[in-house]
Each structure stands twice: as C-alpha cells, then as structure tokens.
C-alpha cells in the first residue's frame, strides 16, 4: 500500500476569547481580508489557504507549540509589533504571542521554500521574488 503524501496546509485554527478582539489585534499587523464568518468563527483569507479564529479558548498559553505565518514584508511586521508594544520573543526569529497565548512565528516569503503558484500570487496582487538562499533550497530538492 502506498501512503498518501502531505502536500500542504489548508488552514490553521486558533482559539481566542473574542473574534472581534482577535480581528482588532491581528488587524494592527496584517491586511486582513475575511473569507467568511460563522457563529463563533472568522476565516481570514490567505489566497489558497486561510486562518480560522475560533471563539472560547479553553487552554492556557502554548509554551513550545507555535505556527508560522508567511508575509510579504517581515520587517514591516516587526515595526508594527514594536509600535503596538507587543513583546517579541527572545531569539533569532520573529516570534510573538497574541493575547490568548498563541505563539506566532513570522517568516518572509522571499526567504523560505514555501511557494505559492504564480496565479495565486497574482490573484492576491503580490509580485514577490525569492532570495538566492530560498532558490538554492528549492533547487536542491528539485522543485525549481
């Protein structure tokens, strides 16, 4: 039997206390576009993926577990976090915690292997070019 291959992530779901508060918090740092809303849920569009916000958090802060959000300008996110006085986690990465304890890592699209199809980037109104180190990683895997 051949096992199915993992090919991506459709969405990540975050538990928050309030959808309204979470949209206001994340809206300070990102250009949010809603894909939809439902009772106790909001779906933030990321082209061919989405971030789901789910109301009624039941667990405490995540100490080690985190997820990475890919952005078109990591430095702009860092500046917005500093301006909003959001504490950036120590270390070489750009990590922060939202008010509900979710740990978020910010990565720049130009620096990583993760690649959106050109039609998706175009539909999102983005014109991004990978940096040489990311292109090298893609070549090493035969993906470029």
C-alpha atoms as a PDB file:
ATOM      1  CA  UNK A   1       0.000   0.000   0.000  1.00  0.00           C
ATOM      2  CA  UNK A   2       1.287   3.452  -0.912  1.00  0.00           C
ATOM      3  CA  UNK A   3       0.779   6.029   1.807  1.00  0.00           C
ATOM      4  CA  UNK A   4      -0.683   9.431   0.860  1.00  0.00           C
ATOM      5  CA  UNK A   5       1.778  12.334   0.738  1.00  0.00           C
ATOM      6  CA  UNK A   6       1.383  15.516   2.744  1.00  0.00           C
ATOM      7  CA  UNK A   7       1.168  18.399   0.268  1.00  0.00           C
ATOM      8  CA  UNK A   8       0.267  21.444   2.310  1.00  0.00           C
ATOM      9  CA  UNK A   9      -1.824  23.028   4.998  1.00  0.00           C
ATOM     10  CA  UNK A  10      -5.327  24.177   4.165  1.00  0.00           C
ATOM     11  CA  UNK A  11      -5.746  26.164   7.362  1.00  0.00           C
ATOM     12  CA  UNK A  12      -4.709  26.640  10.976  1.00  0.00           C
ATOM     13  CA  UNK A  13      -7.315  27.218  13.665  1.00  0.00           C
ATOM     14  CA  UNK A  14      -6.583  29.473  16.646  1.00  0.00           C
ATOM     15  CA  UNK A  15      -8.653  29.572  19.784  1.00  0.00           C
ATOM     16  CA  UNK A  16      -9.331  33.099  21.040  1.00  0.00           C
ATOM     17  CA  UNK A  17     -11.639  34.596  23.654  1.00  0.00           C
ATOM     18  CA  UNK A  18     -13.328  37.013  21.260  1.00  0.00           C
ATOM     19  CA  UNK A  19     -13.459  37.065  17.451  1.00  0.00           C
ATOM     20  CA  UNK A  20     -13.897  40.849  17.482  1.00  0.00           C
ATOM     21  CA  UNK A  21     -10.873  41.344  19.742  1.00  0.00           C
ATOM     22  CA  UNK A  22      -8.758  38.903  17.733  1.00  0.00           C
ATOM     23  CA  UNK A  23      -9.582  40.664  14.442  1.00  0.00           C
ATOM     24  CA  UNK A  24      -8.698  44.002  16.039  1.00  0.00           C
ATOM     25  CA  UNK A  25      -5.415  42.623  17.421  1.00  0.00           C
ATOM     26  CA  UNK A  26      -4.234  40.919  14.223  1.00  0.00           C
ATOM     27  CA  UNK A  27      -5.544  43.826  12.141  1.00  0.00           C
ATOM     28  CA  UNK A  28      -2.820  46.022  13.680  1.00  0.00           C
ATOM     29  CA  UNK A  29      -0.137  43.959  11.914  1.00  0.00           C
ATOM     30  CA  UNK A  30      -1.726  42.430   8.818  1.00  0.00           C
ATOM     31  CA  UNK A  31      -4.014  43.483   5.977  1.00  0.00           C
ATOM     32  CA  UNK A  32      -6.891  41.172   6.945  1.00  0.00           C
ATOM     33  CA  UNK A  33      -9.396  40.023   4.370  1.00  0.00           C
ATOM     34  CA  UNK A  34     -12.203  37.867   5.666  1.00  0.00           C
ATOM     35  CA  UNK A  35     -13.194  34.787   3.691  1.00  0.00           C
ATOM     36  CA  UNK A  36     -16.262  34.335   5.844  1.00  0.00           C
ATOM     37  CA  UNK A  37     -17.779  34.354   9.306  1.00  0.00           C
ATOM     38  CA  UNK A  38     -19.977  31.958  11.229  1.00  0.00           C
ATOM     39  CA  UNK A  39     -21.204  31.985  14.829  1.00  0.00           C
ATOM     40  CA  UNK A  40     -18.049  31.997  16.969  1.00  0.00           C
ATOM     41  CA  UNK A  41     -15.750  31.745  13.923  1.00  0.00           C
ATOM     42  CA  UNK A  42     -13.973  34.022  11.468  1.00  0.00           C
ATOM     43  CA  UNK A  43     -11.916  32.913   8.469  1.00  0.00           C
ATOM     44  CA  UNK A  44      -9.028  35.137   7.378  1.00  0.00           C
ATOM     45  CA  UNK A  45      -8.156  34.691   3.711  1.00  0.00           C
ATOM     46  CA  UNK A  46      -4.566  33.903   2.698  1.00  0.00           C
ATOM     47  CA  UNK A  47      -5.080  33.255  -1.019  1.00  0.00           C
ATOM     48  CA  UNK A  48      -5.486  29.484  -1.341  1.00  0.00           C
ATOM     49  CA  UNK A  49      -5.305  28.970   2.437  1.00  0.00           C
ATOM     50  CA  UNK A  50      -6.931  30.528   5.484  1.00  0.00           C
ATOM     51  CA  UNK A  51      -6.527  31.191   9.183  1.00  0.00           C
ATOM     52  CA  UNK A  52      -9.553  30.227  11.266  1.00  0.00           C
ATOM     53  CA  UNK A  53     -10.315  32.045  14.508  1.00  0.00           C
ATOM     54  CA  UNK A  54     -12.455  30.092  16.935  1.00  0.00           C
ATOM     55  CA  UNK A  55     -14.072  31.679  19.984  1.00  0.00           C
ATOM     56  CA  UNK A  56     -13.963  30.222  23.506  1.00  0.00           C
ATOM     57  CA  UNK A  57     -10.345  29.345  24.206  1.00  0.00           C
ATOM     58  CA  UNK A  58     -10.133  26.560  26.787  1.00  0.00           C
ATOM     59  CA  UNK A  59      -6.393  26.025  27.227  1.00  0.00           C
ATOM     60  CA  UNK A  60      -3.538  28.061  28.645  1.00  0.00           C
ATOM     61  CA  UNK A  61      -0.704  29.678  26.681  1.00  0.00           C
ATOM     62  CA  UNK A  62       1.351  27.472  24.384  1.00  0.00           C
ATOM     63  CA  UNK A  63       4.951  27.389  25.601  1.00  0.00           C
ATOM     64  CA  UNK A  64       6.606  25.422  22.802  1.00  0.00           C
ATOM     65  CA  UNK A  65       3.937  24.875  20.171  1.00  0.00           C
ATOM     66  CA  UNK A  66       3.725  27.566  17.521  1.00  0.00           C
ATOM     67  CA  UNK A  67       2.817  28.131  13.908  1.00  0.00           C
ATOM     68  CA  UNK A  68       4.433  30.241  11.215  1.00  0.00           C
ATOM     69  CA  UNK A  69       2.728  32.910   9.162  1.00  0.00           C
ATOM     70  CA  UNK A  70       4.306  33.804   5.818  1.00  0.00           C
ATOM     71  CA  UNK A  71       4.277  37.507   4.990  1.00  0.00           C
ATOM     72  CA  UNK A  72       5.463  39.712   2.148  1.00  0.00           C
ATOM     73  CA  UNK A  73       7.383  42.055   4.488  1.00  0.00           C
ATOM     74  CA  UNK A  74       8.724  40.667   7.776  1.00  0.00           C
ATOM     75  CA  UNK A  75      10.418  43.959   8.696  1.00  0.00           C
ATOM     76  CA  UNK A  76       7.095  45.810   8.458  1.00  0.00           C
ATOM     77  CA  UNK A  77       5.510  43.285  10.839  1.00  0.00           C
ATOM     78  CA  UNK A  78       8.403  43.743  13.283  1.00  0.00           C
ATOM     79  CA  UNK A  79       7.914  47.529  13.169  1.00  0.00           C
ATOM     80  CA  UNK A  80       4.164  47.219  13.717  1.00  0.00           C
ATOM     81  CA  UNK A  81       4.684  44.864  16.682  1.00  0.00           C
ATOM     82  CA  UNK A  82       7.162  47.288  18.251  1.00  0.00           C
ATOM     83  CA  UNK A  83       4.822  50.236  17.655  1.00  0.00           C
ATOM     84  CA  UNK A  84       1.949  48.344  19.309  1.00  0.00           C
ATOM     85  CA  UNK A  85       4.273  47.411  22.192  1.00  0.00           C
ATOM     86  CA  UNK A  86       3.788  43.683  21.623  1.00  0.00           C
ATOM     87  CA  UNK A  87       6.624  41.740  23.225  1.00  0.00           C
ATOM     88  CA  UNK A  88       8.805  39.907  20.722  1.00  0.00           C
ATOM     89  CA  UNK A  89      10.091  36.567  21.982  1.00  0.00           C
ATOM     90  CA  UNK A  90      13.875  36.418  22.520  1.00  0.00           C
ATOM     91  CA  UNK A  91      15.915  34.606  19.897  1.00  0.00           C
ATOM     92  CA  UNK A  92      16.844  34.891  16.248  1.00  0.00           C
ATOM     93  CA  UNK A  93      13.301  34.563  14.852  1.00  0.00           C
ATOM     94  CA  UNK A  94      10.388  36.990  14.862  1.00  0.00           C
ATOM     95  CA  UNK A  95       8.010  35.302  17.308  1.00  0.00           C
ATOM     96  CA  UNK A  96       5.310  36.866  19.455  1.00  0.00           C
ATOM     97  CA  UNK A  97       2.305  35.747  21.465  1.00  0.00           C
ATOM     98  CA  UNK A  98      -1.167  37.020  20.886  1.00  0.00           C
ATOM     99  CA  UNK A  99      -3.313  37.998  23.895  1.00  0.00           C
ATOM    100  CA  UNK A 100      -4.663  34.401  24.075  1.00  0.00           C
ATOM    101  CA  UNK A 101      -1.229  32.787  24.356  1.00  0.00           C
ATOM    102  CA  UNK A 102      -0.907  31.593  20.761  1.00  0.00           C
ATOM    103  CA  UNK A 103       2.746  31.757  19.716  1.00  0.00           C
ATOM    104  CA  UNK A 104       3.187  33.073  16.183  1.00  0.00           C
ATOM    105  CA  UNK A 105       6.379  32.984  14.108  1.00  0.00           C
ATOM    106  CA  UNK A 106       6.644  35.435  11.217  1.00  0.00           C
ATOM    107  CA  UNK A 107       8.617  34.362   8.139  1.00  0.00           C
ATOM    108  CA  UNK A 108       9.266  36.302   4.944  1.00  0.00           C
ATOM    109  CA  UNK A 109       8.043  34.639   1.730  1.00  0.00           C
ATOM    110  CA  UNK A 110      11.242  35.653  -0.063  1.00  0.00           C
ATOM    111  CA  UNK A 111      13.418  33.685   2.413  1.00  0.00           C
ATOM    112  CA  UNK A 112      11.744  30.265   2.532  1.00  0.00           C
ATOM    113  CA  UNK A 113      10.964  27.281   0.306  1.00  0.00           C
ATOM    114  CA  UNK A 114       7.178  27.678   0.660  1.00  0.00           C
ATOM    115  CA  UNK A 115       5.893  28.790  -2.724  1.00  0.00           C
ATOM    116  CA  UNK A 116       2.512  29.995  -3.915  1.00  0.00           C
ATOM    117  CA  UNK A 117       1.535  29.303  -7.510  1.00  0.00           C
ATOM    118  CA  UNK A 118       2.063  32.368  -9.709  1.00  0.00           C
ATOM    119  CA  UNK A 119      -1.686  32.578 -10.376  1.00  0.00           C
ATOM    120  CA  UNK A 120      -2.395  32.663  -6.633  1.00  0.00           C
ATOM    121  CA  UNK A 121       0.205  35.389  -6.023  1.00  0.00           C
ATOM    122  CA  UNK A 122      -1.192  37.339  -8.964  1.00  0.00           C
ATOM    123  CA  UNK A 123      -4.731  36.968  -7.642  1.00  0.00           C
ATOM    124  CA  UNK A 124      -3.516  38.287  -4.288  1.00  0.00           C
ATOM    125  CA  UNK A 125      -1.932  41.290  -6.013  1.00  0.00           C
ATOM    126  CA  UNK A 126       1.590  40.263  -4.967  1.00  0.00           C
ATOM    127  CA  UNK A 127       4.796  40.363  -7.001  1.00  0.00           C
ATOM    128  CA  UNK A 128       7.420  38.633  -4.857  1.00  0.00           C
ATOM    129  CA  UNK A 129      10.819  37.230  -5.787  1.00  0.00           C
ATOM    130  CA  UNK A 130      12.599  34.544  -3.780  1.00  0.00           C
ATOM    131  CA  UNK A 131      16.018  35.427  -2.406  1.00  0.00           C
ATOM    132  CA  UNK A 132      19.032  33.358  -3.550  1.00  0.00           C
ATOM    133  CA  UNK A 133      19.153  31.140  -0.434  1.00  0.00           C
ATOM    134  CA  UNK A 134      15.482  30.137  -0.859  1.00  0.00           C
ATOM    135  CA  UNK A 135      16.051  29.461  -4.576  1.00  0.00           C
ATOM    136  CA  UNK A 136      19.051  27.271  -3.690  1.00  0.00           C
ATOM    137  CA  UNK A 137      16.931  25.251  -1.257  1.00  0.00           C
ATOM    138  CA  UNK A 138      14.246  24.754  -3.910  1.00  0.00           C
ATOM    139  CA  UNK A 139      16.851  23.668  -6.490  1.00  0.00           C
ATOM    140  CA  UNK A 140      18.397  21.183  -4.045  1.00  0.00           C
ATOM    141  CA  UNK A 141      15.003  19.496  -3.715  1.00  0.00           C
ATOM    142  CA  UNK A 142      14.374  19.543  -7.461  1.00  0.00           C
ATOM    143  CA  UNK A 143      11.436  21.905  -7.031  1.00  0.00           C
ATOM    144  CA  UNK A 144      12.756  24.644  -9.296  1.00  0.00           C
END
